[in-house]
N, C-alpha and C. Protein backbone atom coordinates (compact mmCIF):
# COMPACT_ATOMS: atom_id res chain seq x y z
N UNK A 1 21.58 -26.41 -30.70
CA UNK A 1 21.10 -24.91 -31.03
C UNK A 1 22.21 -24.33 -31.71
N UNK A 2 21.99 -23.44 -32.84
CA UNK A 2 22.91 -22.80 -33.61
C UNK A 2 22.31 -21.26 -33.63
N UNK A 3 23.11 -20.22 -33.36
CA UNK A 3 22.93 -18.98 -33.23
C UNK A 3 23.75 -18.13 -34.36
N UNK A 4 23.04 -17.45 -35.07
CA UNK A 4 23.76 -16.49 -36.14
C UNK A 4 23.39 -15.18 -35.83
N UNK A 5 24.38 -14.35 -35.83
CA UNK A 5 24.17 -12.95 -35.56
C UNK A 5 24.65 -12.01 -36.70
N UNK A 6 23.56 -11.05 -37.01
CA UNK A 6 24.22 -10.08 -38.12
C UNK A 6 23.73 -8.62 -37.79
N UNK A 7 24.55 -7.69 -38.28
CA UNK A 7 24.11 -6.33 -38.01
C UNK A 7 23.16 -5.85 -39.05
N UNK A 8 22.22 -5.00 -38.78
CA UNK A 8 21.30 -4.43 -39.50
C UNK A 8 21.46 -2.92 -39.33
N UNK A 9 22.24 -2.39 -40.41
CA UNK A 9 22.67 -0.91 -40.48
C UNK A 9 21.32 -0.18 -40.40
N UNK A 10 21.41 0.86 -39.26
CA UNK A 10 20.37 1.92 -39.20
C UNK A 10 19.15 1.18 -38.39
N UNK A 11 19.14 -0.04 -38.09
CA UNK A 11 18.10 -0.82 -37.36
C UNK A 11 18.65 -1.26 -36.09
N UNK A 12 19.61 -2.19 -35.93
CA UNK A 12 20.12 -2.71 -34.68
C UNK A 12 20.74 -4.14 -35.15
N UNK A 13 20.43 -5.19 -34.44
CA UNK A 13 21.18 -6.54 -34.64
C UNK A 13 19.92 -7.65 -34.88
N UNK A 14 20.36 -8.75 -35.59
CA UNK A 14 19.46 -9.69 -35.92
C UNK A 14 20.08 -10.98 -35.33
N UNK A 15 19.37 -11.75 -34.62
CA UNK A 15 19.97 -13.04 -34.05
C UNK A 15 18.98 -14.24 -34.63
N UNK A 16 19.50 -15.10 -35.27
CA UNK A 16 18.59 -16.16 -35.81
C UNK A 16 19.01 -17.50 -34.93
N UNK A 17 18.15 -18.18 -34.31
CA UNK A 17 18.31 -19.24 -33.44
C UNK A 17 17.65 -20.51 -33.94
N UNK A 18 18.34 -21.39 -34.35
CA UNK A 18 17.93 -22.67 -34.98
C UNK A 18 17.86 -23.68 -33.85
N UNK A 19 16.84 -24.29 -33.67
CA UNK A 19 16.82 -25.53 -32.47
C UNK A 19 16.87 -26.63 -33.13
N UNK A 20 16.89 -27.71 -32.10
CA UNK A 20 16.91 -28.97 -32.41
C UNK A 20 15.86 -29.57 -33.38
N UNK A 21 14.48 -29.15 -33.24
CA UNK A 21 13.35 -29.55 -34.02
C UNK A 21 13.42 -29.14 -35.52
N UNK A 22 14.33 -28.09 -35.69
CA UNK A 22 14.53 -27.51 -37.06
C UNK A 22 13.71 -26.19 -37.18
N UNK A 23 13.03 -25.80 -36.20
CA UNK A 23 12.20 -24.42 -36.18
C UNK A 23 13.31 -23.52 -35.97
N UNK A 24 12.92 -22.12 -36.21
CA UNK A 24 13.91 -21.14 -36.04
C UNK A 24 13.22 -19.93 -35.33
N UNK A 25 13.93 -19.19 -34.45
CA UNK A 25 13.38 -18.09 -33.97
C UNK A 25 14.34 -16.85 -34.33
N UNK A 26 13.83 -15.74 -34.89
CA UNK A 26 14.62 -14.57 -35.27
C UNK A 26 14.28 -13.54 -34.27
N UNK A 27 15.34 -12.88 -33.85
CA UNK A 27 15.10 -11.66 -32.72
C UNK A 27 15.69 -10.62 -33.13
N UNK A 28 15.09 -9.52 -33.59
CA UNK A 28 15.67 -8.24 -34.05
C UNK A 28 15.54 -7.24 -32.94
N UNK A 29 16.87 -6.87 -32.40
CA UNK A 29 16.99 -5.92 -31.42
C UNK A 29 17.19 -4.52 -32.06
N UNK A 30 16.20 -3.64 -31.91
CA UNK A 30 16.24 -2.32 -32.44
C UNK A 30 17.01 -1.22 -31.64
N UNK A 31 17.85 -0.51 -32.37
CA UNK A 31 18.29 0.67 -31.51
C UNK A 31 17.66 1.38 -30.55
N UNK A 32 16.33 1.37 -30.66
CA UNK A 32 15.37 1.95 -29.78
C UNK A 32 15.15 1.14 -28.48
N UNK A 33 15.45 -0.13 -28.51
CA UNK A 33 15.42 -0.87 -27.39
C UNK A 33 14.29 -1.86 -27.70
N UNK A 34 13.42 -1.78 -28.46
CA UNK A 34 12.31 -2.75 -28.91
C UNK A 34 12.84 -3.91 -29.46
N UNK A 35 12.12 -4.89 -29.31
CA UNK A 35 12.50 -6.29 -29.75
C UNK A 35 11.40 -6.77 -30.72
N UNK A 36 11.75 -7.46 -31.62
CA UNK A 36 10.85 -8.20 -32.61
C UNK A 36 11.16 -9.86 -32.74
N UNK A 37 10.21 -10.62 -32.22
CA UNK A 37 10.40 -11.98 -32.36
C UNK A 37 9.66 -12.57 -33.46
N UNK A 38 10.30 -13.28 -34.17
CA UNK A 38 9.67 -14.06 -35.39
C UNK A 38 9.91 -15.45 -35.29
N UNK A 39 8.89 -16.26 -35.34
CA UNK A 39 8.82 -17.70 -35.23
C UNK A 39 8.68 -18.23 -36.49
N UNK A 40 9.66 -19.16 -36.98
CA UNK A 40 9.57 -19.88 -38.24
C UNK A 40 9.45 -21.35 -37.91
N UNK A 41 8.54 -21.95 -38.51
CA UNK A 41 8.36 -23.41 -38.34
C UNK A 41 9.37 -24.13 -39.54
N UNK A 42 9.80 -25.43 -39.11
CA UNK A 42 10.72 -25.95 -40.09
C UNK A 42 9.79 -26.33 -41.34
N UNK A 43 8.70 -26.48 -41.39
CA UNK A 43 7.90 -26.72 -42.60
C UNK A 43 7.70 -25.42 -43.44
N UNK A 44 7.94 -24.22 -42.81
CA UNK A 44 7.73 -22.93 -43.61
C UNK A 44 8.81 -21.99 -43.27
N UNK A 45 9.95 -22.24 -43.83
CA UNK A 45 11.18 -21.36 -43.33
C UNK A 45 11.25 -20.12 -43.92
N UNK A 46 10.52 -19.73 -44.74
CA UNK A 46 10.41 -18.48 -45.38
C UNK A 46 9.51 -17.37 -45.00
N UNK A 47 8.48 -17.94 -44.25
CA UNK A 47 7.45 -16.94 -43.79
C UNK A 47 7.18 -17.26 -42.31
N UNK A 48 7.17 -16.23 -41.46
CA UNK A 48 7.01 -16.42 -39.90
C UNK A 48 5.65 -16.96 -39.66
N UNK A 49 5.39 -17.85 -38.88
CA UNK A 49 4.36 -18.32 -38.39
C UNK A 49 3.65 -17.30 -37.40
N UNK A 50 4.51 -16.72 -36.55
CA UNK A 50 4.02 -15.75 -35.66
C UNK A 50 5.01 -14.61 -35.43
N UNK A 51 4.64 -13.20 -35.11
CA UNK A 51 5.52 -12.31 -34.90
C UNK A 51 5.06 -11.40 -33.61
N UNK A 52 5.87 -11.32 -32.85
CA UNK A 52 5.61 -10.70 -31.37
C UNK A 52 6.61 -9.49 -31.27
N UNK A 53 5.96 -8.34 -30.98
CA UNK A 53 6.74 -7.22 -30.79
C UNK A 53 6.79 -6.84 -29.21
N UNK A 54 8.05 -6.57 -28.68
CA UNK A 54 8.21 -6.45 -27.22
C UNK A 54 8.85 -5.23 -26.91
N UNK A 55 8.42 -4.52 -25.74
CA UNK A 55 9.18 -3.44 -25.28
C UNK A 55 10.48 -3.87 -24.61
N UNK A 56 11.41 -2.97 -24.48
CA UNK A 56 12.65 -3.29 -23.74
C UNK A 56 12.27 -4.05 -22.49
N UNK A 57 11.40 -3.41 -21.63
CA UNK A 57 11.17 -3.87 -20.35
C UNK A 57 10.56 -5.46 -20.49
N UNK A 58 9.71 -5.46 -21.41
CA UNK A 58 8.94 -6.85 -21.63
C UNK A 58 10.04 -7.94 -22.12
N UNK A 59 10.98 -7.50 -22.98
CA UNK A 59 12.11 -8.50 -23.24
C UNK A 59 13.01 -8.81 -22.24
N UNK A 60 13.25 -7.93 -21.31
CA UNK A 60 14.13 -8.33 -20.11
C UNK A 60 13.47 -9.23 -19.21
N UNK A 61 12.13 -8.93 -18.96
CA UNK A 61 11.51 -9.76 -18.02
C UNK A 61 11.28 -11.21 -18.57
N UNK A 62 11.22 -11.26 -19.96
CA UNK A 62 11.04 -12.55 -20.73
C UNK A 62 12.44 -13.28 -20.54
N UNK A 63 13.51 -12.49 -20.80
CA UNK A 63 14.77 -13.08 -20.51
C UNK A 63 15.00 -13.62 -19.24
N UNK A 64 14.60 -13.03 -18.19
CA UNK A 64 14.72 -13.57 -16.89
C UNK A 64 13.95 -14.72 -16.54
N UNK A 65 12.73 -14.88 -17.17
CA UNK A 65 12.03 -16.06 -17.11
C UNK A 65 12.79 -17.27 -17.84
N UNK A 66 13.09 -17.03 -19.01
CA UNK A 66 13.89 -18.04 -19.72
C UNK A 66 15.13 -18.59 -19.01
N UNK A 67 15.86 -17.51 -18.37
CA UNK A 67 16.94 -17.80 -17.45
C UNK A 67 16.82 -18.50 -16.22
N UNK A 68 15.46 -18.63 -15.85
CA UNK A 68 15.22 -19.30 -14.66
C UNK A 68 15.40 -18.61 -13.41
N UNK A 69 15.27 -17.16 -13.60
CA UNK A 69 15.32 -16.25 -12.31
C UNK A 69 14.17 -16.36 -11.54
N UNK A 70 12.81 -16.58 -12.18
CA UNK A 70 11.65 -16.54 -11.33
C UNK A 70 11.25 -18.04 -11.18
N UNK A 71 11.68 -19.08 -11.83
CA UNK A 71 11.38 -20.37 -11.58
C UNK A 71 12.49 -21.36 -12.20
N UNK A 72 13.07 -22.26 -11.57
CA UNK A 72 13.89 -23.21 -12.05
C UNK A 72 13.56 -24.54 -11.74
N UNK A 73 13.25 -25.34 -12.80
CA UNK A 73 12.63 -26.62 -12.73
C UNK A 73 13.60 -27.45 -12.03
N UNK A 74 13.14 -28.52 -11.44
CA UNK A 74 13.95 -29.37 -10.61
C UNK A 74 15.01 -30.17 -11.48
N UNK A 75 16.11 -30.01 -11.16
CA UNK A 75 17.23 -30.93 -11.88
C UNK A 75 17.14 -32.30 -11.56
N UNK A 76 17.72 -33.00 -12.77
CA UNK A 76 17.88 -34.36 -12.69
C UNK A 76 19.18 -34.74 -13.14
N UNK A 77 19.75 -35.97 -12.67
CA UNK A 77 20.89 -36.48 -13.22
C UNK A 77 22.13 -35.60 -13.12
N UNK A 78 22.91 -35.63 -14.18
CA UNK A 78 24.10 -34.86 -14.09
C UNK A 78 24.02 -33.27 -13.94
N UNK A 79 22.87 -32.69 -14.43
CA UNK A 79 22.55 -31.36 -14.31
C UNK A 79 22.33 -31.09 -12.71
N UNK A 80 21.76 -32.10 -11.95
CA UNK A 80 21.62 -32.00 -10.59
C UNK A 80 23.00 -31.88 -9.83
N UNK A 81 23.81 -32.67 -10.01
CA UNK A 81 25.24 -32.63 -9.65
C UNK A 81 25.86 -31.44 -9.89
N UNK A 82 25.69 -30.76 -11.02
CA UNK A 82 26.44 -29.53 -11.32
C UNK A 82 25.88 -28.44 -10.60
N UNK A 83 24.62 -28.28 -10.54
CA UNK A 83 23.96 -27.31 -9.61
C UNK A 83 24.06 -27.30 -8.31
N UNK A 84 24.64 -28.53 -7.79
CA UNK A 84 24.82 -28.61 -6.41
C UNK A 84 25.99 -27.67 -5.98
N UNK A 85 26.79 -27.47 -7.09
CA UNK A 85 28.06 -26.58 -6.68
C UNK A 85 27.57 -25.19 -6.87
N UNK A 86 26.62 -24.83 -7.33
CA UNK A 86 26.19 -23.43 -7.53
C UNK A 86 24.92 -23.26 -6.90
N UNK A 87 24.51 -21.85 -6.83
CA UNK A 87 23.33 -21.59 -5.96
C UNK A 87 22.70 -20.28 -6.58
N UNK A 88 21.24 -19.98 -6.36
CA UNK A 88 20.68 -18.84 -6.51
C UNK A 88 20.16 -18.45 -5.37
N UNK A 89 20.30 -17.20 -4.92
CA UNK A 89 19.67 -16.66 -3.65
C UNK A 89 19.11 -15.45 -3.79
N UNK A 90 17.94 -15.17 -2.97
CA UNK A 90 17.31 -13.83 -3.02
C UNK A 90 17.62 -13.05 -1.80
N UNK A 91 17.98 -12.01 -1.81
CA UNK A 91 18.39 -11.32 -0.62
C UNK A 91 17.68 -9.82 -0.64
N UNK A 92 16.95 -9.56 0.56
CA UNK A 92 16.23 -8.32 0.66
C UNK A 92 17.21 -7.48 1.27
N UNK A 93 17.25 -6.23 0.85
CA UNK A 93 17.98 -5.14 1.54
C UNK A 93 17.27 -4.36 2.60
N UNK A 94 17.68 -4.48 3.86
CA UNK A 94 17.04 -3.92 4.92
C UNK A 94 17.68 -2.42 5.15
N UNK A 95 17.19 -1.70 6.13
CA UNK A 95 17.99 -0.39 6.44
C UNK A 95 19.30 -0.76 6.99
N UNK A 96 20.10 0.07 6.55
CA UNK A 96 21.52 -0.21 7.31
C UNK A 96 22.32 -1.09 6.36
N UNK A 97 21.86 -1.78 5.37
CA UNK A 97 22.65 -2.54 4.47
C UNK A 97 23.74 -1.76 3.84
N UNK A 98 25.02 -2.12 3.93
CA UNK A 98 26.13 -1.39 3.39
C UNK A 98 25.98 -1.03 1.96
N UNK A 99 25.28 -1.76 1.11
CA UNK A 99 25.01 -1.54 -0.32
C UNK A 99 24.12 -0.53 -0.64
N UNK A 100 23.01 -0.26 0.24
CA UNK A 100 22.29 0.91 -0.07
C UNK A 100 22.84 2.19 -0.49
N UNK A 101 22.22 2.79 -1.73
CA UNK A 101 22.82 3.75 -2.12
C UNK A 101 24.08 3.75 -3.11
N UNK A 102 24.61 2.45 -3.12
CA UNK A 102 25.52 2.10 -4.12
C UNK A 102 25.11 1.61 -5.48
N UNK A 103 25.87 1.79 -6.32
CA UNK A 103 25.51 1.13 -7.70
C UNK A 103 25.66 -0.27 -7.88
N UNK A 104 24.98 -1.05 -8.66
CA UNK A 104 25.30 -2.49 -8.91
C UNK A 104 26.89 -2.68 -9.31
N UNK A 105 27.34 -1.79 -10.00
CA UNK A 105 28.77 -1.78 -10.36
C UNK A 105 29.71 -1.81 -9.21
N UNK A 106 29.36 -1.11 -8.17
CA UNK A 106 30.13 -0.95 -6.97
C UNK A 106 30.08 -2.14 -6.03
N UNK A 107 29.06 -3.02 -6.28
CA UNK A 107 28.91 -4.13 -5.49
C UNK A 107 29.12 -5.35 -6.27
N UNK A 108 30.34 -5.90 -6.23
CA UNK A 108 30.78 -7.00 -6.96
C UNK A 108 31.55 -8.11 -6.12
N UNK A 109 31.48 -9.39 -6.60
CA UNK A 109 32.20 -10.28 -6.02
C UNK A 109 32.88 -11.36 -7.10
N UNK A 110 34.05 -11.66 -7.12
CA UNK A 110 34.47 -12.53 -8.29
C UNK A 110 33.55 -13.81 -8.40
N UNK A 111 32.98 -14.18 -9.54
CA UNK A 111 32.32 -15.31 -9.69
C UNK A 111 30.77 -15.20 -9.49
N UNK A 112 30.41 -14.41 -8.66
CA UNK A 112 28.98 -14.24 -8.36
C UNK A 112 28.32 -13.00 -9.24
N UNK A 113 27.06 -13.13 -9.44
CA UNK A 113 26.48 -12.14 -10.18
C UNK A 113 25.05 -11.71 -9.53
N UNK A 114 24.63 -10.45 -9.97
CA UNK A 114 23.43 -9.98 -9.64
C UNK A 114 22.52 -10.16 -10.87
N UNK A 115 21.70 -11.25 -10.86
CA UNK A 115 20.89 -11.51 -11.96
C UNK A 115 19.59 -10.63 -12.25
N UNK A 116 19.11 -10.09 -11.10
CA UNK A 116 17.96 -9.23 -11.15
C UNK A 116 17.84 -8.60 -9.80
N UNK A 117 16.86 -7.43 -9.90
CA UNK A 117 16.38 -6.81 -8.77
C UNK A 117 15.05 -6.63 -8.84
N UNK A 118 14.36 -7.10 -7.69
CA UNK A 118 12.94 -6.84 -7.46
C UNK A 118 12.71 -5.81 -6.69
N UNK A 119 11.99 -4.90 -7.28
CA UNK A 119 11.54 -3.57 -6.47
C UNK A 119 10.06 -3.53 -6.31
N UNK A 120 9.57 -3.23 -5.05
CA UNK A 120 8.23 -3.16 -4.99
C UNK A 120 7.56 -2.22 -5.74
N UNK A 121 6.33 -2.53 -6.35
CA UNK A 121 5.74 -1.57 -7.23
C UNK A 121 6.15 -1.35 -8.63
N UNK A 122 7.33 -1.95 -8.89
CA UNK A 122 7.98 -1.94 -10.12
C UNK A 122 8.15 -3.30 -10.88
N UNK A 123 8.24 -3.29 -12.21
CA UNK A 123 8.52 -4.58 -12.93
C UNK A 123 9.97 -5.09 -12.59
N UNK A 124 10.03 -6.38 -12.68
CA UNK A 124 11.43 -7.11 -12.43
C UNK A 124 12.50 -6.50 -13.20
N UNK A 125 13.56 -6.03 -12.78
CA UNK A 125 14.69 -5.40 -13.36
C UNK A 125 15.80 -6.63 -13.65
N UNK A 126 15.66 -7.43 -14.72
CA UNK A 126 16.75 -8.48 -14.99
C UNK A 126 17.88 -7.67 -15.59
N UNK A 127 19.00 -8.48 -15.26
CA UNK A 127 20.26 -8.15 -15.70
C UNK A 127 20.41 -6.61 -15.45
N UNK A 128 20.32 -6.13 -14.39
CA UNK A 128 20.32 -4.87 -14.01
C UNK A 128 21.54 -4.03 -14.44
N UNK A 129 21.50 -2.71 -15.00
CA UNK A 129 22.59 -1.99 -15.56
C UNK A 129 23.46 -1.70 -14.36
N UNK A 130 24.71 -1.64 -14.71
CA UNK A 130 25.88 -1.25 -13.51
C UNK A 130 25.49 0.03 -13.03
N UNK A 131 24.85 0.91 -13.54
CA UNK A 131 24.58 2.30 -12.90
C UNK A 131 23.35 2.34 -11.89
N UNK A 132 22.72 1.26 -11.85
CA UNK A 132 21.31 1.03 -11.04
C UNK A 132 21.73 1.27 -9.53
N UNK A 133 21.11 2.27 -8.85
CA UNK A 133 21.35 2.57 -7.39
C UNK A 133 20.42 1.67 -6.61
N UNK A 134 21.09 0.78 -5.55
CA UNK A 134 20.13 -0.04 -4.82
C UNK A 134 19.59 0.55 -3.65
N UNK A 135 18.46 0.16 -3.36
CA UNK A 135 17.77 0.79 -2.29
C UNK A 135 17.31 -0.04 -1.15
N UNK A 136 16.79 0.26 -0.09
CA UNK A 136 16.23 -0.38 0.99
C UNK A 136 14.92 -1.00 0.30
N UNK A 137 14.62 -2.15 0.63
CA UNK A 137 13.52 -3.03 0.17
C UNK A 137 13.76 -3.72 -1.07
N UNK A 138 14.85 -3.45 -1.76
CA UNK A 138 15.16 -4.07 -2.98
C UNK A 138 15.48 -5.58 -2.70
N UNK A 139 15.09 -6.63 -3.53
CA UNK A 139 15.53 -7.94 -3.22
C UNK A 139 16.26 -8.22 -4.59
N UNK A 140 17.60 -8.80 -4.18
CA UNK A 140 18.52 -9.02 -5.29
C UNK A 140 18.64 -10.50 -5.35
N UNK A 141 18.58 -10.83 -6.83
CA UNK A 141 18.77 -12.23 -6.98
C UNK A 141 20.19 -12.55 -7.49
N UNK A 142 20.92 -13.34 -6.65
CA UNK A 142 22.33 -13.61 -6.72
C UNK A 142 22.39 -15.06 -7.31
N UNK A 143 23.42 -15.10 -8.09
CA UNK A 143 23.68 -16.59 -8.66
C UNK A 143 25.28 -16.81 -8.83
N UNK A 144 25.74 -18.00 -8.71
CA UNK A 144 27.10 -18.28 -9.02
C UNK A 144 27.59 -19.42 -8.12
N UNK A 145 28.83 -19.75 -8.00
CA UNK A 145 29.41 -20.79 -7.16
C UNK A 145 29.00 -20.49 -5.62
N UNK A 146 28.63 -21.36 -4.86
CA UNK A 146 28.13 -21.20 -3.45
C UNK A 146 29.07 -20.29 -2.53
N UNK A 147 30.35 -20.35 -2.73
CA UNK A 147 31.39 -19.53 -1.89
C UNK A 147 31.47 -18.23 -2.26
N UNK A 148 31.20 -17.89 -3.70
CA UNK A 148 31.16 -16.53 -4.06
C UNK A 148 29.92 -15.94 -3.85
N UNK A 149 28.86 -16.42 -3.99
CA UNK A 149 27.41 -16.02 -3.61
C UNK A 149 27.41 -15.71 -2.06
N UNK A 150 27.78 -16.42 -1.37
CA UNK A 150 27.85 -16.21 0.19
C UNK A 150 28.75 -14.85 0.49
N UNK A 151 29.76 -14.82 -0.10
CA UNK A 151 30.75 -13.53 0.01
C UNK A 151 30.01 -12.43 -0.41
N UNK A 152 29.37 -12.41 -1.61
CA UNK A 152 28.44 -11.41 -2.07
C UNK A 152 27.33 -10.93 -1.11
N UNK A 153 26.80 -11.88 -0.61
CA UNK A 153 25.71 -11.74 0.33
C UNK A 153 26.02 -11.20 1.45
N UNK A 154 27.35 -11.60 2.15
CA UNK A 154 27.83 -10.80 3.37
C UNK A 154 28.19 -9.37 3.05
N UNK A 155 28.77 -9.03 1.75
CA UNK A 155 29.18 -7.74 1.47
C UNK A 155 27.90 -6.83 1.22
N UNK A 156 26.81 -7.33 0.84
CA UNK A 156 25.75 -6.54 0.54
C UNK A 156 24.96 -6.40 1.83
N UNK A 157 24.89 -7.28 2.73
CA UNK A 157 24.09 -7.25 3.97
C UNK A 157 24.65 -6.81 5.24
N UNK A 158 26.13 -6.96 5.14
CA UNK A 158 26.88 -6.55 6.30
C UNK A 158 27.24 -7.60 7.27
């Protein structure tokens, strides 16, 4: 896979992703937060086969799906060995959790990451902004090396 990035003055940024098959995906991220996806088949490199417009929220949810936050296929071979060293955990915040009322930025552990926040009645918040305040009932999706995720889990749940 090859990724090329370019600045589009007054518009935003453009990412061209060429994959092994020779097909290409162009992603334009507008300053407004909207995204435009253009799919180019190898056989037709100058005209997109499909174009899709996404809101910022839709793009973040799609990103979470692609990153494996909602579903991770079963790993095989060398990938399975590597994944055995890492983990993804879902942690629901109950009343009295020490991180309730604190921002994502305030809750950190070296090597572990908060990939997403699931909030009842709201869309998934993938890659939550550092300023997001955590609330009772939030489910945090944590990822990283097992030890770091365990330390972060203990920090947020007490």
